[in-house]
Amino acid sequence: MLPQIYSAEIFQEENNKELLIKLIHQLNKDFNITGIDKGFEEDISINELISQLNTLVENLMKNDFQTYVNLLYRVDVSESKMRQIDDIEMEKIAQKVTSLILIREWQKVWFKNRNL
């Protein structure tokens, strides 16, 4: 069954550490293709990953909106879910977008690894 949402607790379990690494690889791949010069280290904790990704998303929203849009397109974040974000504070919007990015990237990893 496809997980509709990811949970940081998923990656705390020892047997799921490999999935976290695959999630990081997927993020790095999509960021690289988008032209974002940021890579996440394989040994990063899920909480630090979320924090760094959130900071990056907020910076892109403020300083490089075209790259931000390209990233959302590359990751394939749902337009309908983006429209559902009803906050006006940049910080809260960035947090929700970060969550949508992680959910979509997690879905990609899960699909690729569901039969392994």
N, C-alpha and C. Protein backbone atom coordinates (compact mmCIF):
# COMPACT_ATOMS: atom_id res chain seq x y z
N MET A 1 0.84 -1.18 0.00
CA MET A 1 0.00 0.00 0.00
C MET A 1 0.89 1.24 0.00
N LEU A 2 0.56 2.20 -0.82
CA LEU A 2 1.33 3.42 -0.94
C LEU A 2 1.11 4.31 0.27
N PRO A 3 2.19 4.72 0.91
CA PRO A 3 2.02 5.64 2.03
C PRO A 3 1.64 7.02 1.49
N GLN A 4 0.52 7.55 1.91
CA GLN A 4 0.07 8.85 1.44
C GLN A 4 0.86 9.98 2.08
N ILE A 5 1.32 9.74 3.26
CA ILE A 5 2.17 10.73 3.91
C ILE A 5 3.39 10.01 4.46
N TYR A 6 4.45 10.72 4.58
CA TYR A 6 5.62 10.13 5.20
C TYR A 6 5.61 10.58 6.65
N SER A 7 6.32 9.89 7.46
CA SER A 7 6.46 10.26 8.86
C SER A 7 7.93 10.11 9.22
N ALA A 8 8.45 11.07 9.93
CA ALA A 8 9.86 11.02 10.31
C ALA A 8 10.18 9.75 11.09
N GLU A 9 9.20 9.22 11.80
CA GLU A 9 9.42 8.01 12.58
C GLU A 9 9.74 6.81 11.69
N ILE A 10 9.25 6.81 10.47
CA ILE A 10 9.54 5.72 9.53
C ILE A 10 11.04 5.51 9.42
N PHE A 11 11.79 6.60 9.37
CA PHE A 11 13.21 6.53 9.11
C PHE A 11 14.04 6.31 10.37
N GLN A 12 13.41 6.27 11.53
CA GLN A 12 14.12 6.01 12.77
C GLN A 12 14.38 4.51 12.94
N GLU A 13 13.55 3.68 12.32
CA GLU A 13 13.72 2.24 12.43
C GLU A 13 14.97 1.82 11.67
N GLU A 14 15.73 0.92 12.25
CA GLU A 14 17.01 0.52 11.68
C GLU A 14 16.88 -0.01 10.25
N ASN A 15 15.85 -0.82 9.99
CA ASN A 15 15.71 -1.41 8.66
C ASN A 15 15.26 -0.39 7.61
N ASN A 16 14.92 0.82 8.01
CA ASN A 16 14.50 1.84 7.06
C ASN A 16 15.57 2.90 6.82
N LYS A 17 16.73 2.75 7.43
CA LYS A 17 17.82 3.71 7.21
C LYS A 17 18.20 3.75 5.73
N GLU A 18 18.15 2.59 5.09
CA GLU A 18 18.47 2.53 3.66
C GLU A 18 17.46 3.33 2.84
N LEU A 19 16.20 3.32 3.26
CA LEU A 19 15.18 4.12 2.57
C LEU A 19 15.46 5.61 2.72
N LEU A 20 15.93 6.03 3.87
CA LEU A 20 16.29 7.44 4.06
C LEU A 20 17.40 7.82 3.10
N ILE A 21 18.40 6.95 2.96
CA ILE A 21 19.49 7.23 2.03
C ILE A 21 18.95 7.33 0.60
N LYS A 22 18.03 6.46 0.24
CA LYS A 22 17.43 6.52 -1.09
C LYS A 22 16.61 7.79 -1.28
N LEU A 23 15.94 8.22 -0.23
CA LEU A 23 15.19 9.49 -0.28
C LEU A 23 16.16 10.65 -0.51
N ILE A 24 17.27 10.64 0.19
CA ILE A 24 18.29 11.68 0.02
C ILE A 24 18.84 11.66 -1.39
N HIS A 25 19.10 10.47 -1.94
CA HIS A 25 19.59 10.37 -3.32
C HIS A 25 18.57 10.94 -4.30
N GLN A 26 17.29 10.65 -4.09
CA GLN A 26 16.24 11.16 -4.97
C GLN A 26 16.17 12.68 -4.90
N LEU A 27 16.23 13.23 -3.70
CA LEU A 27 16.24 14.69 -3.54
C LEU A 27 17.44 15.29 -4.25
N ASN A 28 18.62 14.72 -4.02
CA ASN A 28 19.83 15.24 -4.64
C ASN A 28 19.74 15.18 -6.16
N LYS A 29 19.20 14.10 -6.68
CA LYS A 29 19.05 13.94 -8.13
C LYS A 29 18.14 15.04 -8.69
N ASP A 30 16.98 15.22 -8.09
CA ASP A 30 16.04 16.22 -8.59
C ASP A 30 16.58 17.63 -8.41
N PHE A 31 17.28 17.88 -7.32
CA PHE A 31 17.87 19.20 -7.14
C PHE A 31 18.95 19.46 -8.19
N ASN A 32 19.78 18.46 -8.45
CA ASN A 32 20.84 18.60 -9.44
C ASN A 32 20.26 18.88 -10.83
N ILE A 33 19.24 18.13 -11.22
CA ILE A 33 18.61 18.32 -12.53
C ILE A 33 18.00 19.71 -12.63
N THR A 34 17.49 20.22 -11.51
CA THR A 34 16.87 21.55 -11.49
C THR A 34 17.92 22.66 -11.50
N GLY A 35 19.17 22.31 -11.23
CA GLY A 35 20.23 23.31 -11.21
C GLY A 35 20.50 23.89 -9.83
N ILE A 36 19.99 23.23 -8.82
CA ILE A 36 20.22 23.68 -7.45
C ILE A 36 21.49 23.02 -6.95
N ASP A 37 22.40 23.85 -6.50
CA ASP A 37 23.73 23.39 -6.11
C ASP A 37 23.78 22.97 -4.65
N LYS A 38 22.78 22.25 -4.21
CA LYS A 38 22.70 21.81 -2.82
C LYS A 38 22.56 20.30 -2.81
N GLY A 39 23.40 19.66 -2.04
CA GLY A 39 23.29 18.23 -1.87
C GLY A 39 23.19 17.90 -0.39
N PHE A 40 22.42 16.89 -0.08
CA PHE A 40 22.26 16.46 1.31
C PHE A 40 23.17 15.26 1.54
N GLU A 41 23.84 15.24 2.68
CA GLU A 41 24.74 14.15 3.04
C GLU A 41 23.93 12.91 3.41
N GLU A 42 24.47 11.74 3.12
CA GLU A 42 23.78 10.48 3.40
C GLU A 42 23.58 10.23 4.89
N ASP A 43 24.44 10.77 5.72
CA ASP A 43 24.35 10.49 7.15
C ASP A 43 23.53 11.53 7.92
N ILE A 44 22.81 12.36 7.21
CA ILE A 44 21.98 13.39 7.84
C ILE A 44 20.77 12.73 8.51
N SER A 45 20.34 13.29 9.62
CA SER A 45 19.13 12.77 10.27
C SER A 45 17.92 13.29 9.52
N ILE A 46 16.80 12.62 9.67
CA ILE A 46 15.58 13.05 8.99
C ILE A 46 15.17 14.43 9.47
N ASN A 47 15.34 14.72 10.75
CA ASN A 47 14.96 16.03 11.26
C ASN A 47 15.84 17.14 10.69
N GLU A 48 17.13 16.86 10.56
CA GLU A 48 18.03 17.85 9.96
C GLU A 48 17.74 18.01 8.47
N LEU A 49 17.41 16.93 7.80
CA LEU A 49 17.03 17.00 6.39
C LEU A 49 15.82 17.91 6.21
N ILE A 50 14.82 17.71 7.04
CA ILE A 50 13.61 18.54 6.96
C ILE A 50 13.97 20.01 7.20
N SER A 51 14.78 20.27 8.19
CA SER A 51 15.18 21.64 8.52
C SER A 51 15.93 22.30 7.37
N GLN A 52 16.92 21.59 6.81
CA GLN A 52 17.70 22.14 5.71
C GLN A 52 16.85 22.34 4.46
N LEU A 53 15.99 21.37 4.17
CA LEU A 53 15.12 21.49 3.01
C LEU A 53 14.17 22.67 3.18
N ASN A 54 13.63 22.84 4.36
CA ASN A 54 12.72 23.95 4.63
C ASN A 54 13.43 25.29 4.41
N THR A 55 14.65 25.41 4.91
CA THR A 55 15.42 26.64 4.73
C THR A 55 15.68 26.91 3.25
N LEU A 56 16.03 25.86 2.52
CA LEU A 56 16.28 25.99 1.09
C LEU A 56 15.03 26.42 0.34
N VAL A 57 13.90 25.80 0.65
CA VAL A 57 12.64 26.14 -0.01
C VAL A 57 12.29 27.61 0.26
N GLU A 58 12.41 28.02 1.50
CA GLU A 58 12.09 29.41 1.83
C GLU A 58 13.01 30.38 1.11
N ASN A 59 14.30 30.06 1.04
CA ASN A 59 15.25 30.92 0.31
C ASN A 59 14.90 30.99 -1.18
N LEU A 60 14.55 29.86 -1.77
CA LEU A 60 14.17 29.87 -3.18
C LEU A 60 12.91 30.71 -3.41
N MET A 61 11.95 30.58 -2.52
CA MET A 61 10.72 31.36 -2.65
C MET A 61 11.01 32.86 -2.62
N LYS A 62 11.92 33.26 -1.76
CA LYS A 62 12.23 34.68 -1.59
C LYS A 62 13.16 35.22 -2.66
N ASN A 63 14.16 34.41 -3.08
CA ASN A 63 15.27 34.93 -3.87
C ASN A 63 15.38 34.41 -5.29
N ASP A 64 14.75 33.27 -5.59
CA ASP A 64 14.87 32.68 -6.93
C ASP A 64 13.59 31.92 -7.26
N PHE A 65 12.54 32.67 -7.47
CA PHE A 65 11.22 32.07 -7.64
C PHE A 65 11.15 31.14 -8.84
N GLN A 66 11.85 31.45 -9.91
CA GLN A 66 11.81 30.59 -11.10
C GLN A 66 12.42 29.22 -10.80
N THR A 67 13.52 29.18 -10.07
CA THR A 67 14.11 27.90 -9.70
C THR A 67 13.18 27.14 -8.75
N TYR A 68 12.52 27.86 -7.86
CA TYR A 68 11.53 27.26 -6.96
C TYR A 68 10.43 26.58 -7.76
N VAL A 69 9.89 27.27 -8.75
CA VAL A 69 8.84 26.70 -9.60
C VAL A 69 9.38 25.50 -10.38
N ASN A 70 10.58 25.62 -10.90
CA ASN A 70 11.20 24.50 -11.63
C ASN A 70 11.37 23.28 -10.73
N LEU A 71 11.74 23.50 -9.48
CA LEU A 71 11.90 22.40 -8.53
C LEU A 71 10.56 21.70 -8.29
N LEU A 72 9.51 22.48 -8.08
CA LEU A 72 8.19 21.89 -7.86
C LEU A 72 7.76 21.07 -9.07
N TYR A 73 8.05 21.57 -10.26
CA TYR A 73 7.73 20.85 -11.49
C TYR A 73 8.54 19.56 -11.59
N ARG A 74 9.83 19.65 -11.31
CA ARG A 74 10.71 18.49 -11.41
C ARG A 74 10.33 17.40 -10.40
N VAL A 75 10.02 17.82 -9.19
CA VAL A 75 9.64 16.87 -8.15
C VAL A 75 8.25 16.31 -8.44
N ASP A 76 7.46 17.07 -9.16
CA ASP A 76 6.09 16.70 -9.52
C ASP A 76 5.13 16.86 -8.33
N VAL A 77 5.26 18.00 -7.67
CA VAL A 77 4.34 18.33 -6.58
C VAL A 77 2.99 18.69 -7.20
N SER A 78 1.95 18.14 -6.64
CA SER A 78 0.59 18.32 -7.15
C SER A 78 0.15 19.79 -7.11
N GLU A 79 -0.30 20.30 -8.25
CA GLU A 79 -0.81 21.67 -8.30
C GLU A 79 -2.01 21.85 -7.40
N SER A 80 -2.88 20.85 -7.36
CA SER A 80 -4.07 20.98 -6.52
C SER A 80 -3.69 21.07 -5.04
N LYS A 81 -2.67 20.34 -4.63
CA LYS A 81 -2.23 20.43 -3.23
C LYS A 81 -1.56 21.77 -2.96
N MET A 82 -0.87 22.30 -3.94
CA MET A 82 -0.27 23.63 -3.78
C MET A 82 -1.36 24.68 -3.61
N ARG A 83 -2.43 24.55 -4.36
CA ARG A 83 -3.54 25.52 -4.26
C ARG A 83 -4.24 25.46 -2.91
N GLN A 84 -4.13 24.34 -2.24
CA GLN A 84 -4.79 24.18 -0.94
C GLN A 84 -4.04 24.89 0.19
N ILE A 85 -2.83 25.32 -0.08
CA ILE A 85 -2.07 26.05 0.94
C ILE A 85 -2.69 27.44 1.07
N ASP A 86 -3.22 27.71 2.24
CA ASP A 86 -3.96 28.96 2.41
C ASP A 86 -3.29 29.93 3.38
N ASP A 87 -2.06 29.66 3.74
CA ASP A 87 -1.34 30.57 4.63
C ASP A 87 -0.84 31.76 3.84
N ILE A 88 -0.56 32.83 4.56
CA ILE A 88 0.01 34.01 3.92
C ILE A 88 1.43 34.28 4.41
N GLU A 89 1.81 33.64 5.51
CA GLU A 89 3.16 33.81 6.03
C GLU A 89 4.13 32.92 5.26
N MET A 90 5.19 33.52 4.76
CA MET A 90 6.18 32.80 3.96
C MET A 90 6.73 31.58 4.69
N GLU A 91 6.98 31.72 5.98
CA GLU A 91 7.55 30.62 6.76
C GLU A 91 6.61 29.41 6.80
N LYS A 92 5.34 29.64 6.99
CA LYS A 92 4.37 28.54 7.05
C LYS A 92 4.15 27.93 5.67
N ILE A 93 4.16 28.75 4.65
CA ILE A 93 4.03 28.24 3.28
C ILE A 93 5.22 27.34 2.97
N ALA A 94 6.42 27.79 3.32
CA ALA A 94 7.63 27.00 3.06
C ALA A 94 7.57 25.66 3.78
N GLN A 95 7.06 25.65 5.01
CA GLN A 95 6.94 24.39 5.75
C GLN A 95 6.00 23.43 5.05
N LYS A 96 4.89 23.92 4.55
CA LYS A 96 3.93 23.06 3.87
C LYS A 96 4.48 22.57 2.53
N VAL A 97 5.17 23.44 1.82
CA VAL A 97 5.78 23.04 0.54
C VAL A 97 6.87 22.00 0.79
N THR A 98 7.65 22.19 1.84
CA THR A 98 8.67 21.21 2.21
C THR A 98 8.04 19.85 2.45
N SER A 99 6.94 19.84 3.15
CA SER A 99 6.23 18.59 3.41
C SER A 99 5.74 17.96 2.10
N LEU A 100 5.20 18.76 1.20
CA LEU A 100 4.72 18.23 -0.08
C LEU A 100 5.87 17.65 -0.91
N ILE A 101 7.01 18.32 -0.88
CA ILE A 101 8.19 17.81 -1.61
C ILE A 101 8.62 16.47 -1.03
N LEU A 102 8.71 16.39 0.29
CA LEU A 102 9.13 15.15 0.92
C LEU A 102 8.13 14.02 0.67
N ILE A 103 6.86 14.33 0.72
CA ILE A 103 5.84 13.31 0.46
C ILE A 103 6.00 12.77 -0.96
N ARG A 104 6.15 13.66 -1.92
CA ARG A 104 6.26 13.22 -3.32
C ARG A 104 7.54 12.43 -3.55
N GLU A 105 8.65 12.90 -2.99
CA GLU A 105 9.91 12.18 -3.15
C GLU A 105 9.84 10.82 -2.46
N TRP A 106 9.19 10.76 -1.31
CA TRP A 106 9.02 9.50 -0.59
C TRP A 106 8.18 8.54 -1.43
N GLN A 107 7.16 9.04 -2.09
CA GLN A 107 6.34 8.18 -2.97
C GLN A 107 7.19 7.59 -4.08
N LYS A 108 8.06 8.40 -4.66
CA LYS A 108 8.94 7.90 -5.73
C LYS A 108 9.84 6.78 -5.21
N VAL A 109 10.45 7.01 -4.05
CA VAL A 109 11.33 6.00 -3.46
C VAL A 109 10.55 4.74 -3.13
N TRP A 110 9.38 4.90 -2.57
CA TRP A 110 8.56 3.76 -2.19
C TRP A 110 8.18 2.93 -3.42
N PHE A 111 7.75 3.61 -4.50
CA PHE A 111 7.39 2.89 -5.73
C PHE A 111 8.57 2.10 -6.28
N LYS A 112 9.73 2.72 -6.29
CA LYS A 112 10.92 2.06 -6.83
C LYS A 112 11.37 0.88 -5.99
N ASN A 113 11.05 0.88 -4.71
CA ASN A 113 11.60 -0.13 -3.78
C ASN A 113 10.54 -1.04 -3.17
N ARG A 114 9.34 -0.99 -3.63
CA ARG A 114 8.27 -1.76 -2.98
C ARG A 114 8.41 -3.25 -3.18
N ASN A 115 9.12 -3.70 -4.18
CA ASN A 115 9.27 -5.14 -4.44
C ASN A 115 10.61 -5.69 -3.98
N LEU A 116 11.41 -4.85 -3.35
CA LEU A 116 12.74 -5.29 -2.92
C LEU A 116 12.69 -6.02 -1.60
